[in-house]
Amino acid sequence: MGRLLAIAFILFCFEIGIFLVFVPWSALWENNFLLDYSPLLHQILLNNFVRGAVSGLGVIDILIGLAELAVFWKSLRMVDHSSAE
């Protein structure tokens, strides 16, 4: 169960990271119907600095996924190495 949960977490990090990197620059971000209710929120979320910050969080999330993948890969090697002896 631990391996399955680790794989799910790694995939989750990659998916959310990719989503956060690309969506702030897409039409989905600009045509959000929730932005019509608040002009101030509309102005803030369409600011390029805010979009860049959200994309930066996506990059950090991808890096977390890569780090977790490295730890997972290392643990698999340790298990494989100890079972070979």
Protein backbone atom coordinates (compact mmCIF):
# COMPACT_ATOMS: atom_id res chain seq x y z
CA MET A 1 0.00 0.00 0.00
CA GLY A 2 2.90 2.36 0.72
CA ARG A 3 4.27 2.07 -2.81
CA LEU A 4 0.88 2.72 -4.36
CA LEU A 5 0.39 5.80 -2.18
CA ALA A 6 3.87 7.09 -3.06
CA ILE A 7 3.19 6.66 -6.77
CA ALA A 8 -0.17 8.41 -6.41
CA PHE A 9 1.47 11.32 -4.59
CA ILE A 10 4.19 11.64 -7.24
CA LEU A 11 1.62 11.65 -10.05
CA PHE A 12 -0.51 14.15 -8.13
CA CYS A 13 2.47 16.50 -7.77
CA PHE A 14 3.23 16.30 -11.49
CA GLU A 15 -0.39 16.81 -12.53
CA ILE A 16 -1.02 19.77 -10.24
CA GLY A 17 2.34 21.27 -11.16
CA ILE A 18 1.69 21.07 -14.88
CA PHE A 19 -1.80 22.48 -14.36
CA LEU A 20 -0.47 25.43 -12.34
CA VAL A 21 2.28 26.16 -14.85
CA PHE A 22 0.06 26.35 -17.93
CA VAL A 23 -3.47 27.34 -16.86
CA PRO A 24 -2.73 30.93 -15.69
CA TRP A 25 -1.65 31.75 -19.24
CA SER A 26 -4.62 30.10 -20.96
CA ALA A 27 -8.07 31.31 -21.92
CA LEU A 28 -9.53 29.19 -19.11
CA TRP A 29 -7.95 31.57 -16.59
CA GLU A 30 -9.19 34.71 -18.35
CA ASN A 31 -12.74 33.51 -19.06
CA ASN A 32 -13.47 32.33 -15.54
CA PHE A 33 -17.06 33.24 -14.68
CA LEU A 34 -16.16 33.82 -11.02
CA LEU A 35 -14.06 36.81 -12.05
CA ASP A 36 -17.19 38.60 -13.29
CA TYR A 37 -18.47 38.98 -9.73
CA SER A 38 -15.50 40.95 -8.43
CA PRO A 39 -13.72 43.55 -10.54
CA LEU A 40 -10.91 43.79 -7.97
CA LEU A 41 -10.32 40.03 -8.06
CA HIS A 42 -10.47 40.17 -11.85
CA GLN A 43 -7.78 42.84 -11.90
CA ILE A 44 -5.56 40.95 -9.43
CA LEU A 45 -5.79 37.54 -11.09
CA LEU A 46 -5.12 38.89 -14.57
CA ASN A 47 -1.94 40.63 -13.38
CA ASN A 48 1.12 39.02 -14.98
CA PHE A 49 2.97 38.95 -11.65
CA VAL A 50 0.18 36.91 -10.05
CA ARG A 51 0.11 34.57 -13.04
CA GLY A 52 3.88 34.18 -12.77
CA ALA A 53 3.60 33.44 -9.05
CA VAL A 54 1.01 30.73 -9.69
CA SER A 55 3.22 29.26 -12.40
CA GLY A 56 6.14 29.40 -9.97
CA LEU A 57 4.13 27.35 -7.49
CA GLY A 58 3.56 24.85 -10.28
CA VAL A 59 7.29 24.61 -10.93
CA ILE A 60 7.91 24.07 -7.21
CA ASP A 61 5.27 21.34 -7.20
CA ILE A 62 6.95 19.62 -10.14
CA LEU A 63 10.29 19.82 -8.31
CA ILE A 64 8.67 18.23 -5.24
CA GLY A 65 7.39 15.45 -7.49
CA LEU A 66 10.89 14.93 -8.89
CA ALA A 67 12.39 14.82 -5.39
CA GLU A 68 9.79 12.30 -4.25
CA LEU A 69 10.44 10.25 -7.38
CA ALA A 70 14.15 10.18 -6.54
CA VAL A 71 13.41 9.03 -2.99
CA PHE A 72 11.00 6.40 -4.29
CA TRP A 73 13.51 5.18 -6.86
CA LYS A 74 16.22 4.98 -4.18
CA SER A 75 13.97 2.99 -1.85
CA LEU A 76 13.13 0.57 -4.66
CA ARG A 77 16.83 0.05 -5.31
CA MET A 78 17.47 -0.60 -1.62
CA VAL A 79 14.65 -3.15 -1.45
CA ASP A 80 15.83 -4.81 -4.66
CA HIS A 81 19.43 -4.88 -3.46
CA SER A 82 18.54 -6.37 -0.05
CA SER A 83 16.32 -9.07 -1.60
CA ALA A 84 19.13 -10.12 -3.97
CA GLU A 85 21.45 -10.98 -1.07
